[in-house]
Every structure is written in structure tokens, then in C-alpha cells.
Amino acid sequence: MCGIFGYVGGRDATPILLEGLRRLEYRGYDSAGLAVIGPDGRIAVRREAGKLSRLIELVATAPLSGR
């Protein structure tokens, strides 16, 4: 089972995506990830097994941004 949350718009996508994943967390998923298209047009990915807090820590140490 998976939950997918997406965003298209002019604001930085990372905080919006993390909030969307937080809202899905109660469903008990065992991993989470983000993919954003950066300013250079390349896709940047961060993913982590376990609780969402682990992905949040990863994004804090290896930031990504895109719109």
C-alpha cells in the first residue's frame, strides 16, 4: 500500500510535501521519500526507511529545493 502526495506551484515544494506526508503518516507506512525538480531542471530525490522523522532529518542534513 502506498500514499502519494503531489504539489505543482510557485512555492518551494519541500515543506509542502513534508506536510502532506505528515498528514498521511497515521496510515502506518514504513518509508517515505521526496522528489523535486530543482532550478537546474534535474530531479533530486531523498528517501528513507522508517518513520517520517528520519526523512525530515535527512532533508535537514541534505536539503533539496524545487518548485
Protein backbone atom coordinates (compact mmCIF):
# COMPACT_ATOMS: atom_id res chain seq x y z
CA MET A 1 0.00 0.00 0.00
CA CYS A 2 1.25 3.49 -0.74
CA GLY A 3 0.18 7.07 -0.30
CA ILE A 4 1.15 9.69 -2.84
CA PHE A 5 1.06 13.42 -2.30
CA GLY A 6 2.00 15.93 -5.01
CA TYR A 7 2.38 19.66 -5.45
CA VAL A 8 2.66 21.89 -8.51
CA GLY A 9 3.09 25.60 -7.96
CA GLY A 10 5.41 28.53 -7.44
CA ARG A 11 6.41 27.97 -3.80
CA ASP A 12 9.27 25.80 -2.54
CA ALA A 13 7.86 22.26 -2.73
CA THR A 14 9.85 20.56 0.06
CA PRO A 15 7.97 21.94 3.11
CA ILE A 16 4.63 21.42 1.37
CA LEU A 17 5.48 17.81 0.50
CA LEU A 18 6.74 17.06 4.01
CA GLU A 19 3.49 18.40 5.46
CA GLY A 20 1.48 16.25 3.05
CA LEU A 21 3.47 13.19 4.08
CA ARG A 22 2.95 14.08 7.74
CA ARG A 23 -0.81 14.03 7.15
CA LEU A 24 -0.52 10.53 5.64
CA GLU A 25 1.76 9.19 8.37
CA TYR A 26 -1.09 7.85 10.53
CA ARG A 27 -1.65 5.16 7.88
CA GLY A 28 1.46 3.35 9.10
CA TYR A 29 3.75 3.47 6.08
CA ASP A 30 7.24 2.05 6.62
CA SER A 31 9.15 4.51 4.41
CA ALA A 32 8.86 7.91 2.77
CA GLY A 33 10.54 9.92 0.04
CA LEU A 34 10.53 13.19 -1.88
CA ALA A 35 11.36 14.03 -5.47
CA VAL A 36 11.50 17.62 -6.69
CA ILE A 37 12.60 19.26 -9.91
CA GLY A 38 15.34 21.70 -8.96
CA PRO A 39 16.21 25.05 -10.53
CA ASP A 40 18.60 23.30 -12.92
CA GLY A 41 15.78 21.07 -14.23
CA ARG A 42 17.17 17.91 -12.63
CA ILE A 43 15.19 15.65 -10.33
CA ALA A 44 16.52 15.47 -6.77
CA VAL A 45 15.41 12.57 -4.57
CA ARG A 46 15.58 11.91 -0.83
CA ARG A 47 14.15 8.71 0.64
CA GLU A 48 14.39 6.93 3.95
CA ALA A 49 13.03 3.76 5.51
CA GLY A 50 11.24 4.01 8.83
CA LYS A 51 9.31 6.89 10.34
CA LEU A 52 8.82 10.21 8.58
CA SER A 53 11.06 11.85 11.20
CA ARG A 54 14.02 10.05 9.61
CA LEU A 55 13.25 11.62 6.22
CA ILE A 56 12.89 15.04 7.87
CA GLU A 57 16.34 14.60 9.46
CA LEU A 58 17.80 13.57 6.09
CA VAL A 59 16.34 16.64 4.36
CA ALA A 60 17.76 18.83 7.14
CA THR A 61 21.28 17.46 6.51
CA ALA A 62 20.95 17.14 2.71
CA PRO A 63 18.48 19.90 1.68
CA LEU A 64 16.67 19.96 -1.61
CA SER A 65 14.53 22.64 -3.12
CA GLY A 66 12.41 22.98 -6.19
CA ARG A 67 9.11 24.29 -7.39
